[in-house]
Amino acid sequence: MNRYQAMVETLPVPAGQAERLKAAALTADPKRRRTFRPWSVGKKVLLAAVLAVGMLVTAGTALEVMAWDPAFLERFGTSSQEVPGAEGVFRDVNAAAVCGDVTLTVRQAIGDKKNLYALLDYQLPEDTDLEAVVAAEHLPPLLIGTLRGRTISWEDIRDMGLEEQRKTYSGRSSTSGQSTHTLGFDPESRTLTCMLSANFQEGWGLTAPLNPSITLLVWPPELEVDGEDVPLADHAAVVTFRPSFNVETVTGKAAEDGITYTAEMSPLSFQVRMKGEDLPDMSDQAVCREVESSLSLRLRDGAVISAEDLQLSGGSSSASSSFTHHDGGRLSGRIMLNVVFSELMDPAETEAVLVGDVEIPLS
């Protein structure tokens, strides 16, 4: 047994689709209709009118403590906003961009160097068939490209058709893992609300910049009608913001058997980097799961909490690696592991990160 074993302009409706959309709305079961009011209409209209298109917003400068959105409280738990350091990973962003007949608003964000959670409102065009959206069995999901430190503006894409936009910009992302979840729809303001979670490919290292700009490139949501996907706008939309997180972290370093271990922990997550020779082969899914399951935290009171328990009911993990193969099957390179907590934690209460029987003291 080795040490590792110890351990997401106008509605273009093709011919015949308008009738089908109308019929779907008229025949829908009222029990399936859902209303979600994520933000007051007056506040959204005022904000959209004041902020310039594609405006770069620096958030978090207000002195008052902002209340977390109920969606964040549900995701991270009501006690997370009281954890020491929580104010550094949370920002009340309120960045809006008007892109033709679509308005995007990033309301709040939680994040650190490696991870981002954002609440996004997508206001549909005025001529959208709202009854069809309300009656839909499944709310339209939002497909989002997330860029960090790189900006795409509405001016860059406004003169392109949707197909040209897709050809030019699809697949651009700074993330190693991402998911989106549509939380609800408010027909009064024509707004779909989504929670985005993303892990970034670059930038969890100790020297990485914490507060580059973040651009969200949002493709038009699609409504399934008679087995066909109907886009609810004929163009992509884009919003850029800078969350200005002020995250307190603890770090540590250890070495054993030719491998250097580096750890960093924020209230939102912790990361481990392993660099050297004779690394475990993370291309083997069983080995990858074994290494991930070997991660744990030892608190200053002596309690040990496994990564699986830290992620329980809403947390997540991700792993990436790069290797050079040598004779005899040896591997050298680096492994990066990222664990997002289900509830925020105070880094000062953690004494060490454990990778199996390897201890990485934190300070």
Protein backbone atom coordinates (compact mmCIF):
# COMPACT_ATOMS: atom_id res chain seq x y z
CA MET A 1 0.00 0.00 0.00
CA ASN A 2 1.52 3.37 -1.04
CA ARG A 3 0.82 6.76 0.53
CA TYR A 4 -1.95 7.49 -1.97
CA GLN A 5 -3.74 4.33 -1.06
CA ALA A 6 -3.64 5.54 2.51
CA MET A 7 -5.40 7.85 1.91
CA VAL A 8 -22.72 24.88 -17.24
CA GLU A 9 -32.81 41.35 -31.66
CA THR A 10 -35.86 39.54 -32.00
CA LEU A 11 -37.14 36.12 -31.64
CA PRO A 12 -36.41 34.33 -34.94
CA VAL A 13 -39.27 31.91 -35.40
CA PRO A 14 -39.08 29.58 -38.40
CA ALA A 15 -42.19 28.95 -40.45
CA GLY A 16 -44.86 27.23 -38.42
CA GLN A 17 -43.08 27.74 -35.12
CA ALA A 18 -45.18 30.74 -34.05
CA GLU A 19 -48.33 28.66 -34.14
CA ARG A 20 -46.70 25.86 -32.21
CA LEU A 21 -45.37 28.24 -29.56
CA LYS A 22 -48.83 29.74 -29.12
CA ALA A 23 -50.45 26.35 -28.95
CA ALA A 24 -47.95 25.19 -26.36
CA ALA A 25 -48.78 28.19 -24.19
CA LEU A 26 -52.55 27.75 -24.49
CA THR A 27 -52.54 24.05 -23.73
CA ALA A 28 -50.03 24.11 -20.90
CA ASP A 29 -50.97 22.69 -17.54
CA PRO A 30 -51.22 25.65 -15.11
CA LYS A 31 -49.62 23.53 -12.39
CA ARG A 32 -46.40 23.53 -14.40
CA ARG A 33 -46.22 27.33 -14.57
CA ARG A 34 -43.59 28.85 -12.35
CA THR A 35 -42.91 32.43 -11.29
CA PHE A 36 -39.60 33.59 -9.89
CA ARG A 37 -38.94 37.24 -9.01
CA PRO A 38 -35.19 37.57 -8.57
CA TRP A 39 -35.02 41.37 -8.60
CA SER A 40 -37.43 44.30 -8.60
CA VAL A 41 -38.35 45.53 -12.08
CA GLY A 42 -37.79 49.15 -11.09
CA LYS A 43 -34.27 48.52 -9.86
CA LYS A 44 -33.31 46.55 -12.97
CA VAL A 45 -34.68 49.18 -15.40
CA LEU A 46 -32.95 52.00 -13.51
CA LEU A 47 -29.63 50.18 -13.41
CA ALA A 48 -29.74 49.25 -17.08
CA ALA A 49 -30.50 52.87 -18.02
CA VAL A 50 -27.64 54.28 -15.97
CA LEU A 51 -24.85 51.86 -16.78
CA ALA A 52 -23.14 52.04 -20.16
CA VAL A 53 -23.12 49.09 -22.52
CA GLY A 54 -20.34 46.68 -21.65
CA MET A 55 -19.37 48.81 -18.66
CA LEU A 56 -16.43 47.57 -16.60
CA VAL A 57 -17.54 47.72 -13.00
CA THR A 58 -15.36 47.61 -9.92
CA ALA A 59 -17.56 46.31 -7.14
CA GLY A 60 -17.27 45.98 -3.43
CA THR A 61 -16.25 49.56 -2.56
CA ALA A 62 -19.32 50.33 -0.47
CA LEU A 63 -18.85 50.34 3.28
CA GLU A 64 -22.16 48.74 4.14
CA VAL A 65 -22.46 44.97 4.45
CA MET A 66 -24.61 43.62 1.65
CA ALA A 67 -27.12 40.82 2.19
CA TRP A 68 -26.47 37.59 0.35
CA ASP A 69 -29.02 36.58 -2.26
CA PRO A 70 -31.24 33.68 -1.11
CA ALA A 71 -29.75 31.52 -3.89
CA PHE A 72 -26.30 31.91 -2.36
CA LEU A 73 -27.66 31.23 1.12
CA GLU A 74 -29.20 28.02 -0.16
CA ARG A 75 -25.99 26.98 -1.93
CA PHE A 76 -23.52 27.80 0.87
CA GLY A 77 -25.75 27.75 3.96
CA THR A 78 -27.11 30.64 6.00
CA SER A 79 -24.17 30.60 8.41
CA SER A 80 -21.52 31.02 5.67
CA GLN A 81 -21.98 34.81 5.48
CA GLU A 82 -20.92 35.02 9.14
CA VAL A 83 -17.66 33.05 8.69
CA PRO A 84 -14.51 35.16 9.25
CA GLY A 85 -13.22 36.21 5.85
CA ALA A 86 -16.59 35.76 4.10
CA GLU A 87 -16.70 39.47 3.26
CA GLY A 88 -13.53 39.00 1.19
CA VAL A 89 -14.94 36.30 -1.09
CA PHE A 90 -18.38 37.94 -1.53
CA ARG A 91 -19.19 40.93 -3.75
CA ASP A 92 -22.44 42.74 -4.52
CA VAL A 93 -21.58 43.37 -8.17
CA ASN A 94 -24.62 44.92 -9.89
CA ALA A 95 -22.97 45.12 -13.32
CA ALA A 96 -25.41 45.48 -16.23
CA ALA A 97 -24.94 45.54 -20.00
CA VAL A 98 -27.57 46.32 -22.64
CA CYS A 99 -26.86 44.23 -25.75
CA GLY A 100 -29.44 45.12 -28.38
CA ASP A 101 -32.76 43.75 -27.11
CA VAL A 102 -31.15 41.68 -24.32
CA THR A 103 -29.96 42.95 -20.93
CA LEU A 104 -27.50 41.04 -18.78
CA THR A 105 -26.98 41.76 -15.09
CA VAL A 106 -24.43 40.16 -12.79
CA ARG A 107 -25.91 40.73 -9.34
CA GLN A 108 -23.61 39.03 -6.87
CA ALA A 109 -20.44 36.93 -6.96
CA ILE A 110 -18.48 34.70 -4.62
CA GLY A 111 -14.95 33.69 -5.53
CA ASP A 112 -11.22 33.39 -4.99
CA LYS A 113 -8.18 32.87 -7.25
CA LYS A 114 -9.38 29.56 -8.61
CA ASN A 115 -13.19 29.61 -8.33
CA LEU A 116 -16.16 31.81 -9.19
CA TYR A 117 -19.88 31.66 -8.41
CA ALA A 118 -22.05 34.35 -10.03
CA LEU A 119 -25.79 35.15 -10.11
CA LEU A 120 -26.79 36.31 -13.59
CA ASP A 121 -30.07 37.80 -14.82
CA TYR A 122 -30.87 37.44 -18.55
CA GLN A 123 -33.69 39.77 -19.65
CA LEU A 124 -35.38 38.39 -22.76
CA PRO A 125 -36.44 40.54 -25.76
CA GLU A 126 -39.76 42.38 -25.44
CA ASP A 127 -41.49 40.30 -28.14
CA THR A 128 -40.69 36.96 -26.47
CA ASP A 129 -43.67 34.61 -26.11
CA LEU A 130 -43.66 34.72 -22.32
CA GLU A 131 -46.56 32.29 -21.94
CA ALA A 132 -44.57 29.65 -23.81
CA VAL A 133 -41.58 30.17 -21.52
CA VAL A 134 -43.74 29.98 -18.39
CA ALA A 135 -45.44 26.85 -19.68
CA ALA A 136 -42.20 25.08 -20.57
CA GLU A 137 -41.59 21.82 -18.77
CA HIS A 138 -37.94 22.78 -18.34
CA LEU A 139 -36.64 26.33 -18.02
CA PRO A 140 -34.22 27.25 -20.85
CA PRO A 141 -30.60 26.78 -19.73
CA LEU A 142 -27.97 29.46 -20.34
CA LEU A 143 -24.77 28.49 -22.15
CA ILE A 144 -21.99 30.80 -20.99
CA GLY A 145 -18.37 31.30 -22.00
CA THR A 146 -16.36 32.62 -19.05
CA LEU A 147 -13.17 34.62 -19.74
CA ARG A 148 -10.81 35.93 -17.09
CA GLY A 149 -8.41 38.75 -17.94
CA ARG A 150 -9.67 38.80 -21.55
CA THR A 151 -12.51 41.02 -22.73
CA ILE A 152 -15.13 40.70 -25.48
CA SER A 153 -17.41 43.73 -25.79
CA TRP A 154 -20.87 44.14 -27.33
CA GLU A 155 -19.24 46.38 -29.96
CA ASP A 156 -17.08 43.43 -31.00
CA ILE A 157 -20.05 41.19 -31.80
CA ARG A 158 -23.08 43.45 -32.43
CA ASP A 159 -22.70 43.49 -36.25
CA MET A 160 -22.35 39.71 -36.50
CA GLY A 161 -25.17 37.25 -36.97
CA LEU A 162 -25.56 34.47 -34.45
CA GLU A 163 -23.85 31.88 -36.63
CA GLU A 164 -20.83 34.15 -37.16
CA GLN A 165 -20.69 34.83 -33.44
CA ARG A 166 -20.71 31.11 -32.74
CA LYS A 167 -18.02 30.43 -35.34
CA THR A 168 -15.79 33.18 -33.97
CA TYR A 169 -16.26 32.82 -30.22
CA SER A 170 -17.64 29.37 -29.37
CA GLY A 171 -15.29 27.35 -27.24
CA ARG A 172 -13.49 30.34 -25.75
CA SER A 173 -13.23 29.95 -22.03
CA SER A 174 -10.72 30.34 -19.22
CA THR A 175 -12.24 27.54 -17.20
CA SER A 176 -11.20 23.99 -16.50
CA GLY A 177 -14.70 23.16 -15.24
CA GLN A 178 -17.99 25.02 -15.37
CA SER A 179 -21.71 24.50 -14.79
CA THR A 180 -24.84 26.64 -14.97
CA HIS A 181 -28.21 26.16 -13.32
CA THR A 182 -31.32 28.15 -14.27
CA LEU A 183 -32.96 29.07 -10.98
CA GLY A 184 -36.22 30.57 -12.21
CA PHE A 185 -38.11 32.92 -14.54
CA ASP A 186 -39.93 36.19 -13.79
CA PRO A 187 -42.42 36.90 -16.61
CA GLU A 188 -43.08 40.42 -15.32
CA SER A 189 -39.52 41.50 -16.05
CA ARG A 190 -38.91 38.80 -18.74
CA THR A 191 -35.92 37.60 -16.72
CA LEU A 192 -34.23 34.23 -16.46
CA THR A 193 -31.94 33.90 -13.44
CA CYS A 194 -28.95 31.58 -13.49
CA MET A 195 -26.19 30.54 -11.11
CA LEU A 196 -22.80 30.06 -12.76
CA SER A 197 -20.01 28.11 -11.11
CA ALA A 198 -16.55 27.98 -12.69
CA ASN A 199 -13.06 26.69 -11.91
CA PHE A 200 -10.29 28.54 -13.74
CA GLN A 201 -7.51 26.78 -15.64
CA GLU A 202 -4.84 29.25 -14.68
CA GLY A 203 -4.32 31.36 -11.64
CA TRP A 204 -4.62 29.39 -8.45
CA GLY A 205 -0.88 29.68 -7.78
CA LEU A 206 0.46 31.94 -5.07
CA THR A 207 1.66 34.60 -7.54
CA ALA A 208 -1.54 34.70 -9.60
CA PRO A 209 -3.51 37.96 -9.85
CA LEU A 210 -6.67 37.89 -7.77
CA ASN A 211 -8.81 40.54 -9.48
CA PRO A 212 -8.65 40.48 -13.27
CA SER A 213 -11.76 41.42 -15.21
CA ILE A 214 -14.27 38.65 -15.93
CA THR A 215 -16.31 38.56 -19.13
CA LEU A 216 -19.40 36.41 -19.53
CA LEU A 217 -20.35 35.62 -23.14
CA VAL A 218 -23.94 34.38 -22.98
CA TRP A 219 -25.54 32.53 -25.88
CA PRO A 220 -29.31 32.90 -26.40
CA PRO A 221 -31.35 30.40 -24.37
CA GLU A 222 -33.34 27.90 -26.38
CA LEU A 223 -36.89 26.70 -25.75
CA GLU A 224 -37.81 23.18 -26.81
CA VAL A 225 -40.97 23.19 -28.92
CA ASP A 226 -42.22 20.00 -30.59
CA GLY A 227 -38.79 18.45 -30.27
CA GLU A 228 -37.01 21.46 -31.78
CA ASP A 229 -34.85 24.04 -29.99
CA VAL A 230 -36.05 27.61 -30.68
CA PRO A 231 -33.57 30.37 -29.69
CA LEU A 232 -35.17 33.20 -27.69
CA ALA A 233 -32.85 35.84 -29.22
CA ASP A 234 -30.90 36.06 -32.46
CA HIS A 235 -27.53 37.04 -31.00
CA ALA A 236 -25.19 36.48 -28.10
CA ALA A 237 -24.83 39.01 -25.27
CA VAL A 238 -21.85 39.96 -23.15
CA VAL A 239 -21.13 41.61 -19.79
CA THR A 240 -17.77 42.42 -18.16
CA PHE A 241 -17.16 43.07 -14.49
CA ARG A 242 -14.34 43.10 -11.95
CA PRO A 243 -15.36 41.60 -8.61
CA SER A 244 -12.33 42.89 -6.64
CA PHE A 245 -12.30 40.03 -4.17
CA ASN A 246 -10.14 40.60 -1.11
CA VAL A 247 -9.51 37.03 -0.02
CA GLU A 248 -7.54 36.08 3.08
CA THR A 249 -5.58 32.86 2.57
CA VAL A 250 -3.24 30.58 4.46
CA THR A 251 -0.48 28.68 2.66
CA GLY A 252 1.98 25.90 3.25
CA LYS A 253 4.66 23.75 1.66
CA ALA A 254 6.12 20.29 2.23
CA ALA A 255 8.40 17.82 0.44
CA GLU A 256 8.59 14.04 0.53
CA ASP A 257 10.14 11.38 -1.73
CA GLY A 258 11.13 13.89 -4.41
CA ILE A 259 7.68 15.50 -4.59
CA THR A 260 7.00 19.10 -3.54
CA TYR A 261 3.56 19.80 -2.12
CA THR A 262 2.12 23.35 -2.05
CA ALA A 263 -1.24 24.18 -0.47
CA GLU A 264 -3.41 27.30 -0.30
CA MET A 265 -6.74 27.72 1.49
CA SER A 266 -9.36 30.49 1.34
CA PRO A 267 -12.79 30.56 3.03
CA LEU A 268 -14.24 29.13 -0.22
CA SER A 269 -11.79 26.38 -1.19
CA PHE A 270 -8.39 24.82 -0.90
CA GLN A 271 -5.90 23.73 -3.55
CA VAL A 272 -2.93 21.38 -3.57
CA ARG A 273 -0.14 21.33 -6.14
CA MET A 274 2.14 18.29 -6.39
CA LYS A 275 5.31 18.69 -8.44
CA GLY A 276 8.18 16.28 -9.03
CA GLU A 277 8.86 12.72 -10.14
CA ASP A 278 7.10 9.40 -9.53
CA LEU A 279 3.71 11.11 -9.40
CA PRO A 280 0.51 9.04 -9.48
CA ASP A 281 -0.95 8.61 -12.98
CA MET A 282 -3.98 10.94 -12.89
CA SER A 283 -5.06 9.78 -16.36
CA ASP A 284 -6.22 6.61 -14.62
CA GLN A 285 -9.65 7.48 -13.21
CA ALA A 286 -9.31 5.04 -10.35
CA VAL A 287 -5.97 6.57 -9.34
CA CYS A 288 -7.40 10.09 -9.70
CA ARG A 289 -10.31 9.24 -7.42
CA GLU A 290 -7.91 7.64 -4.96
CA VAL A 291 -5.73 10.73 -4.76
CA GLU A 292 -8.73 13.06 -4.43
CA SER A 293 -10.20 10.92 -1.69
CA SER A 294 -6.90 11.09 0.19
CA LEU A 295 -7.28 14.85 0.77
CA SER A 296 -8.35 16.13 4.16
CA LEU A 297 -7.95 19.07 6.54
CA ARG A 298 -6.74 18.90 10.11
CA LEU A 299 -8.20 21.65 12.28
CA ARG A 300 -6.37 23.30 15.14
CA ASP A 301 -8.61 21.49 17.62
CA GLY A 302 -7.29 18.19 16.28
CA ALA A 303 -10.35 17.21 14.23
CA VAL A 304 -9.70 15.80 10.73
CA ILE A 305 -12.29 16.44 7.98
CA SER A 306 -12.09 14.56 4.69
CA ALA A 307 -12.48 16.34 1.36
CA GLU A 308 -15.56 14.23 0.68
CA ASP A 309 -17.20 15.52 3.86
CA LEU A 310 -16.20 19.13 3.04
CA GLN A 311 -17.90 18.80 -0.36
CA LEU A 312 -20.99 17.05 0.93
CA SER A 313 -24.29 18.49 -0.39
CA GLY A 314 -23.02 21.11 -2.79
CA GLY A 315 -19.23 21.24 -2.81
CA SER A 316 -17.11 20.21 -5.76
CA SER A 317 -13.61 19.17 -6.71
CA SER A 318 -11.49 19.25 -9.85
CA ALA A 319 -8.09 17.95 -10.87
CA SER A 320 -5.68 18.75 -13.69
CA SER A 321 -2.21 17.46 -14.49
CA SER A 322 0.65 17.51 -16.98
CA PHE A 323 3.28 14.79 -17.21
CA THR A 324 6.53 13.78 -18.87
CA HIS A 325 7.00 10.03 -19.17
CA HIS A 326 10.38 8.50 -18.36
CA ASP A 327 11.84 5.02 -18.71
CA GLY A 328 10.38 2.45 -16.40
CA GLY A 329 6.93 4.10 -16.39
CA ARG A 330 7.98 6.93 -14.08
CA LEU A 331 6.03 10.20 -14.38
CA SER A 332 7.30 13.68 -13.65
CA GLY A 333 5.30 16.89 -13.91
CA ARG A 334 2.61 18.47 -11.77
CA ILE A 335 -0.84 17.78 -10.40
CA MET A 336 -3.29 20.45 -9.27
CA LEU A 337 -6.26 19.58 -7.07
CA ASN A 338 -9.08 22.00 -6.21
CA VAL A 339 -11.76 21.47 -3.56
CA VAL A 340 -14.71 23.88 -3.17
CA PHE A 341 -16.48 23.75 0.17
CA SER A 342 -20.18 23.16 0.62
CA GLU A 343 -20.07 25.83 3.36
CA LEU A 344 -17.45 28.53 3.89
CA MET A 345 -14.69 27.83 6.40
CA ASP A 346 -12.37 30.02 8.44
CA PRO A 347 -8.81 29.33 7.13
CA ALA A 348 -7.31 30.38 10.47
CA GLU A 349 -8.94 27.35 12.10
CA THR A 350 -7.07 24.91 9.86
CA GLU A 351 -3.67 23.63 10.92
CA ALA A 352 -2.69 21.48 7.92
CA VAL A 353 -3.76 20.01 4.59
CA LEU A 354 -3.23 16.25 4.39
CA VAL A 355 -2.54 14.27 1.21
CA GLY A 356 -2.71 10.75 2.54
CA ASP A 357 0.05 10.61 5.13
CA VAL A 358 1.82 13.73 3.78
CA GLU A 359 1.21 16.76 6.00
CA ILE A 360 1.33 20.35 4.63
CA PRO A 361 1.36 22.77 7.57
CA LEU A 362 -0.54 26.04 6.99
CA SER A 363 0.30 29.49 8.27
